[in-house]
C-alpha atoms as a PDB file:
ATOM      1  CA  UNK A   1     -37.356  39.876 -48.440  1.00  0.00           C
ATOM      2  CA  UNK A   2     -37.828  41.092 -44.879  1.00  0.00           C
ATOM      3  CA  UNK A   3     -35.587  43.624 -43.193  1.00  0.00           C
ATOM      4  CA  UNK A   4     -34.187  40.837 -41.005  1.00  0.00           C
ATOM      5  CA  UNK A   5     -33.176  38.742 -44.031  1.00  0.00           C
ATOM      6  CA  UNK A   6     -31.927  41.988 -45.877  1.00  0.00           C
ATOM      7  CA  UNK A   7     -29.888  42.779 -42.864  1.00  0.00           C
ATOM      8  CA  UNK A   8     -28.346  39.275 -42.796  1.00  0.00           C
ATOM      9  CA  UNK A   9     -27.659  39.478 -46.414  1.00  0.00           C
ATOM     10  CA  UNK A  10     -26.088  42.779 -46.163  1.00  0.00           C
ATOM     11  CA  UNK A  11     -23.879  41.632 -43.247  1.00  0.00           C
ATOM     12  CA  UNK A  12     -22.687  38.760 -45.321  1.00  0.00           C
ATOM     13  CA  UNK A  13     -21.621  41.174 -48.058  1.00  0.00           C
ATOM     14  CA  UNK A  14     -20.059  43.632 -45.765  1.00  0.00           C
ATOM     15  CA  UNK A  15     -18.086  40.903 -44.287  1.00  0.00           C
ATOM     16  CA  UNK A  16     -17.265  38.830 -47.135  1.00  0.00           C
ATOM     17  CA  UNK A  17     -13.714  38.094 -45.894  1.00  0.00           C
ATOM     18  CA  UNK A  18     -14.965  37.056 -42.350  1.00  0.00           C
ATOM     19  CA  UNK A  19     -16.174  33.510 -42.070  1.00  0.00           C
ATOM     20  CA  UNK A  20     -18.197  31.852 -39.456  1.00  0.00           C
ATOM     21  CA  UNK A  21     -16.309  29.810 -36.888  1.00  0.00           C
ATOM     22  CA  UNK A  22     -16.724  25.985 -37.539  1.00  0.00           C
ATOM     23  CA  UNK A  23     -19.757  24.527 -35.784  1.00  0.00           C
ATOM     24  CA  UNK A  24     -19.228  22.242 -32.677  1.00  0.00           C
ATOM     25  CA  UNK A  25     -18.757  18.661 -33.469  1.00  0.00           C
ATOM     26  CA  UNK A  26     -21.920  17.038 -33.440  1.00  0.00           C
ATOM     27  CA  UNK A  27     -21.688  13.252 -33.443  1.00  0.00           C
ATOM     28  CA  UNK A  28     -24.603  11.792 -35.379  1.00  0.00           C
ATOM     29  CA  UNK A  29     -27.013   9.455 -33.469  1.00  0.00           C
ATOM     30  CA  UNK A  30     -29.540   7.036 -35.077  1.00  0.00           C
ATOM     31  CA  UNK A  31     -32.568   8.929 -36.039  1.00  0.00           C
ATOM     32  CA  UNK A  32     -30.742  12.136 -36.589  1.00  0.00           C
ATOM     33  CA  UNK A  33     -32.184  14.104 -39.578  1.00  0.00           C
ATOM     34  CA  UNK A  34     -30.016  15.406 -42.600  1.00  0.00           C
ATOM     35  CA  UNK A  35     -32.104  17.518 -44.940  1.00  0.00           C
ATOM     36  CA  UNK A  36     -31.471  20.365 -47.579  1.00  0.00           C
ATOM     37  CA  UNK A  37     -33.576  22.292 -49.826  1.00  0.00           C
ATOM     38  CA  UNK A  38     -35.181  25.777 -50.128  1.00  0.00           C
ATOM     39  CA  UNK A  39     -37.270  27.202 -47.135  1.00  0.00           C
ATOM     40  CA  UNK A  40     -39.756  30.164 -47.449  1.00  0.00           C
ATOM     41  CA  UNK A  41     -41.592  31.632 -44.629  1.00  0.00           C
ATOM     42  CA  UNK A  42     -44.405  34.283 -45.108  1.00  0.00           C
ATOM     43  CA  UNK A  43     -45.800  35.950 -42.108  1.00  0.00           C
ATOM     44  CA  UNK A  44     -49.031  38.093 -42.465  1.00  0.00           C
ATOM     45  CA  UNK A  45     -47.875  41.684 -42.661  1.00  0.00           C
ATOM     46  CA  UNK A  46     -45.088  41.022 -45.118  1.00  0.00           C
ATOM     47  CA  UNK A  47     -42.344  39.637 -42.811  1.00  0.00           C
ATOM     48  CA  UNK A  48     -40.480  36.453 -43.826  1.00  0.00           C
ATOM     49  CA  UNK A  49     -38.198  35.599 -46.444  1.00  0.00           C
ATOM     50  CA  UNK A  50     -36.561  32.565 -48.302  1.00  0.00           C
ATOM     51  CA  UNK A  51     -33.319  30.828 -48.283  1.00  0.00           C
ATOM     52  CA  UNK A  52     -31.521  27.556 -49.139  1.00  0.00           C
ATOM     53  CA  UNK A  53     -31.190  25.387 -45.965  1.00  0.00           C
ATOM     54  CA  UNK A  54     -29.373  22.534 -44.418  1.00  0.00           C
ATOM     55  CA  UNK A  55     -30.864  20.937 -41.313  1.00  0.00           C
ATOM     56  CA  UNK A  56     -29.011  18.498 -39.398  1.00  0.00           C
ATOM     57  CA  UNK A  57     -29.522  16.712 -36.157  1.00  0.00           C
ATOM     58  CA  UNK A  58     -32.666  16.333 -33.988  1.00  0.00           C
ATOM     59  CA  UNK A  59     -34.827  18.791 -31.873  1.00  0.00           C
ATOM     60  CA  UNK A  60     -32.474  18.163 -28.815  1.00  0.00           C
ATOM     61  CA  UNK A  61     -29.097  18.834 -30.767  1.00  0.00           C
ATOM     62  CA  UNK A  62     -28.657  20.112 -34.186  1.00  0.00           C
ATOM     63  CA  UNK A  63     -27.928  22.729 -36.594  1.00  0.00           C
ATOM     64  CA  UNK A  64     -29.852  24.859 -39.393  1.00  0.00           C
ATOM     65  CA  UNK A  65     -27.850  26.695 -41.911  1.00  0.00           C
ATOM     66  CA  UNK A  66     -29.435  29.361 -44.141  1.00  0.00           C
ATOM     67  CA  UNK A  67     -27.807  30.653 -47.274  1.00  0.00           C
ATOM     68  CA  UNK A  68     -28.384  33.072 -50.177  1.00  0.00           C
ATOM     69  CA  UNK A  69     -29.142  31.615 -53.655  1.00  0.00           C
ATOM     70  CA  UNK A  70     -25.664  32.389 -54.398  1.00  0.00           C
ATOM     71  CA  UNK A  71     -24.448  30.088 -51.543  1.00  0.00           C
ATOM     72  CA  UNK A  72     -23.179  32.726 -49.106  1.00  0.00           C
ATOM     73  CA  UNK A  73     -23.993  31.665 -45.589  1.00  0.00           C
ATOM     74  CA  UNK A  74     -26.676  34.055 -44.009  1.00  0.00           C
ATOM     75  CA  UNK A  75     -26.811  32.359 -40.526  1.00  0.00           C
ATOM     76  CA  UNK A  76     -26.271  29.243 -38.712  1.00  0.00           C
ATOM     77  CA  UNK A  77     -28.445  28.167 -35.744  1.00  0.00           C
ATOM     78  CA  UNK A  78     -26.978  25.592 -33.284  1.00  0.00           C
ATOM     79  CA  UNK A  79     -28.707  23.992 -30.478  1.00  0.00           C
ATOM     80  CA  UNK A  80     -28.335  21.380 -27.765  1.00  0.00           C
ATOM     81  CA  UNK A  81     -30.302  20.584 -24.732  1.00  0.00           C
ATOM     82  CA  UNK A  82     -28.634  23.350 -22.712  1.00  0.00           C
ATOM     83  CA  UNK A  83     -28.018  26.120 -25.307  1.00  0.00           C
ATOM     84  CA  UNK A  84     -29.513  27.710 -28.513  1.00  0.00           C
ATOM     85  CA  UNK A  85     -27.518  30.230 -30.473  1.00  0.00           C
ATOM     86  CA  UNK A  86     -27.540  32.000 -33.706  1.00  0.00           C
ATOM     87  CA  UNK A  87     -24.181  32.835 -35.609  1.00  0.00           C
ATOM     88  CA  UNK A  88     -24.028  35.523 -38.273  1.00  0.00           C
ATOM     89  CA  UNK A  89     -21.002  36.871 -39.761  1.00  0.00           C
ATOM     90  CA  UNK A  90     -21.134  39.873 -37.541  1.00  0.00           C
ATOM     91  CA  UNK A  91     -22.310  38.376 -34.206  1.00  0.00           C
ATOM     92  CA  UNK A  92     -23.319  35.500 -32.163  1.00  0.00           C
ATOM     93  CA  UNK A  93     -26.392  35.533 -29.929  1.00  0.00           C
ATOM     94  CA  UNK A  94     -27.847  33.173 -27.509  1.00  0.00           C
ATOM     95  CA  UNK A  95     -31.724  32.438 -26.879  1.00  0.00           C
ATOM     96  CA  UNK A  96     -33.697  30.658 -24.356  1.00  0.00           C
ATOM     97  CA  UNK A  97     -35.197  28.094 -26.869  1.00  0.00           C
ATOM     98  CA  UNK A  98     -35.637  27.249 -30.517  1.00  0.00           C
ATOM     99  CA  UNK A  99     -39.097  29.006 -30.548  1.00  0.00           C
ATOM    100  CA  UNK A 100     -37.441  32.326 -29.493  1.00  0.00           C
ATOM    101  CA  UNK A 101     -34.599  31.841 -32.092  1.00  0.00           C
ATOM    102  CA  UNK A 102     -37.205  31.226 -34.844  1.00  0.00           C
ATOM    103  CA  UNK A 103     -39.279  34.293 -33.883  1.00  0.00           C
ATOM    104  CA  UNK A 104     -36.147  36.483 -34.115  1.00  0.00           C
ATOM    105  CA  UNK A 105     -34.971  34.994 -37.232  1.00  0.00           C
ATOM    106  CA  UNK A 106     -38.039  34.593 -39.270  1.00  0.00           C
ATOM    107  CA  UNK A 107     -40.654  37.065 -37.434  1.00  0.00           C
ATOM    108  CA  UNK A 108     -42.781  34.403 -35.845  1.00  0.00           C
ATOM    109  CA  UNK A 109     -42.244  31.420 -33.808  1.00  0.00           C
ATOM    110  CA  UNK A 110     -42.133  28.142 -35.886  1.00  0.00           C
ATOM    111  CA  UNK A 111     -42.326  24.918 -34.025  1.00  0.00           C
ATOM    112  CA  UNK A 112     -38.784  23.609 -34.888  1.00  0.00           C
ATOM    113  CA  UNK A 113     -39.152  20.394 -32.745  1.00  0.00           C
ATOM    114  CA  UNK A 114     -42.172  19.621 -34.653  1.00  0.00           C
ATOM    115  CA  UNK A 115     -40.643  20.540 -38.068  1.00  0.00           C
ATOM    116  CA  UNK A 116     -38.242  17.613 -37.911  1.00  0.00           C
ATOM    117  CA  UNK A 117     -41.107  15.235 -38.161  1.00  0.00           C
ATOM    118  CA  UNK A 118     -43.110  17.299 -40.562  1.00  0.00           C
ATOM    119  CA  UNK A 119     -40.363  17.424 -43.075  1.00  0.00           C
ATOM    120  CA  UNK A 120     -40.327  13.581 -42.838  1.00  0.00           C
ATOM    121  CA  UNK A 121     -43.920  13.545 -43.697  1.00  0.00           C
ATOM    122  CA  UNK A 122     -45.407  12.534 -40.416  1.00  0.00           C
ATOM    123  CA  UNK A 123     -46.837  14.226 -37.367  1.00  0.00           C
ATOM    124  CA  UNK A 124     -44.702  15.184 -34.465  1.00  0.00           C
ATOM    125  CA  UNK A 125     -45.194  12.596 -31.648  1.00  0.00           C
ATOM    126  CA  UNK A 126     -45.055  15.304 -28.965  1.00  0.00           C
ATOM    127  CA  UNK A 127     -48.644  16.729 -29.667  1.00  0.00           C
ATOM    128  CA  UNK A 128     -51.933  15.433 -30.815  1.00  0.00           C
ATOM    129  CA  UNK A 129     -52.831  15.572 -34.467  1.00  0.00           C
ATOM    130  CA  UNK A 130     -55.648  15.133 -36.814  1.00  0.00           C
ATOM    131  CA  UNK A 131     -55.481  13.561 -40.255  1.00  0.00           C
ATOM    132  CA  UNK A 132     -56.875  15.892 -43.071  1.00  0.00           C
ATOM    133  CA  UNK A 133     -58.347  14.862 -46.293  1.00  0.00           C
ATOM    134  CA  UNK A 134     -56.181  15.218 -49.246  1.00  0.00           C
ATOM    135  CA  UNK A 135     -53.076  14.140 -47.527  1.00  0.00           C
ATOM    136  CA  UNK A 136     -51.697  15.709 -44.568  1.00  0.00           C
ATOM    137  CA  UNK A 137     -52.625  16.635 -40.827  1.00  0.00           C
ATOM    138  CA  UNK A 138     -53.309  19.375 -38.533  1.00  0.00           C
ATOM    139  CA  UNK A 139     -51.102  19.849 -35.475  1.00  0.00           C
ATOM    140  CA  UNK A 140     -50.287  22.702 -33.101  1.00  0.00           C
ATOM    141  CA  UNK A 141     -52.618  25.061 -34.910  1.00  0.00           C
ATOM    142  CA  UNK A 142     -50.840  24.335 -38.252  1.00  0.00           C
ATOM    143  CA  UNK A 143     -52.324  22.656 -41.394  1.00  0.00           C
ATOM    144  CA  UNK A 144     -49.488  20.424 -42.786  1.00  0.00           C
ATOM    145  CA  UNK A 145     -50.200  19.803 -46.382  1.00  0.00           C
ATOM    146  CA  UNK A 146     -48.430  16.594 -47.763  1.00  0.00           C
ATOM    147  CA  UNK A 147     -50.250  16.068 -50.880  1.00  0.00           C
ATOM    148  CA  UNK A 148     -47.134  16.859 -53.037  1.00  0.00           C
ATOM    149  CA  UNK A 149     -44.683  15.294 -50.491  1.00  0.00           C
ATOM    150  CA  UNK A 150     -43.536  12.711 -53.120  1.00  0.00           C
ATOM    151  CA  UNK A 151     -42.162  15.513 -54.914  1.00  0.00           C
ATOM    152  CA  UNK A 152     -40.394  17.083 -52.066  1.00  0.00           C
ATOM    153  CA  UNK A 153     -42.768  19.790 -51.112  1.00  0.00           C
ATOM    154  CA  UNK A 154     -44.082  20.260 -47.505  1.00  0.00           C
ATOM    155  CA  UNK A 155     -46.518  23.234 -47.039  1.00  0.00           C
ATOM    156  CA  UNK A 156     -47.517  24.227 -43.533  1.00  0.00           C
ATOM    157  CA  UNK A 157     -49.896  26.981 -42.807  1.00  0.00           C
ATOM    158  CA  UNK A 158     -51.100  28.631 -39.595  1.00  0.00           C
ATOM    159  CA  UNK A 159     -54.430  30.596 -39.748  1.00  0.00           C
ATOM    160  CA  UNK A 160     -54.160  32.278 -36.321  1.00  0.00           C
ATOM    161  CA  UNK A 161     -53.036  35.804 -36.442  1.00  0.00           C
ATOM    162  CA  UNK A 162     -50.691  36.518 -37.663  1.00  0.00           C
ATOM    163  CA  UNK A 163     -51.112  33.993 -40.427  1.00  0.00           C
ATOM    164  CA  UNK A 164     -48.055  32.257 -41.202  1.00  0.00           C
ATOM    165  CA  UNK A 165     -46.933  30.079 -44.384  1.00  0.00           C
ATOM    166  CA  UNK A 166     -43.896  27.861 -44.372  1.00  0.00           C
ATOM    167  CA  UNK A 167     -42.941  25.989 -47.626  1.00  0.00           C
ATOM    168  CA  UNK A 168     -40.045  23.633 -47.785  1.00  0.00           C
ATOM    169  CA  UNK A 169     -38.776  22.216 -50.993  1.00  0.00           C
ATOM    170  CA  UNK A 170     -36.629  19.209 -50.175  1.00  0.00           C
ATOM    171  CA  UNK A 171     -33.698  18.162 -52.326  1.00  0.00           C
ATOM    172  CA  UNK A 172     -33.965  14.443 -53.155  1.00  0.00           C
END
């Protein structure tokens, strides 16, 4: 577990009685995503971590919650067209965009807008993609392996330094 994730876990333990404020009300719209499961990110050099996740909304407005294996909330990321912020039990921070937030939270920028489509088993329509043999595609410098999508596994790898592996196990 990286120092960032360990720090978040420690913050949760130290503030066990303090809860996060409820998220802003998000009225679901057609096409909004609602997924949960386990998320693991490994960045070359040892950064990254894993957590249970709940992802709701869309690239323009949504929420991502990360929790420990025991269910304690580590962090909540919230975004709209005009704001991106991260809530932890100890603080709330604002970011310029989702890539900046993911870089801070995970140690490397993850294309969150594309992730919404990747977790649905398809390329993001906002960028060119190329079909890969064996099930999957390449997009934005990432190889997205969908060979085990029917079992809920999405594996995305970026080879450019630092190499990043993102593994999502979706609950069905």
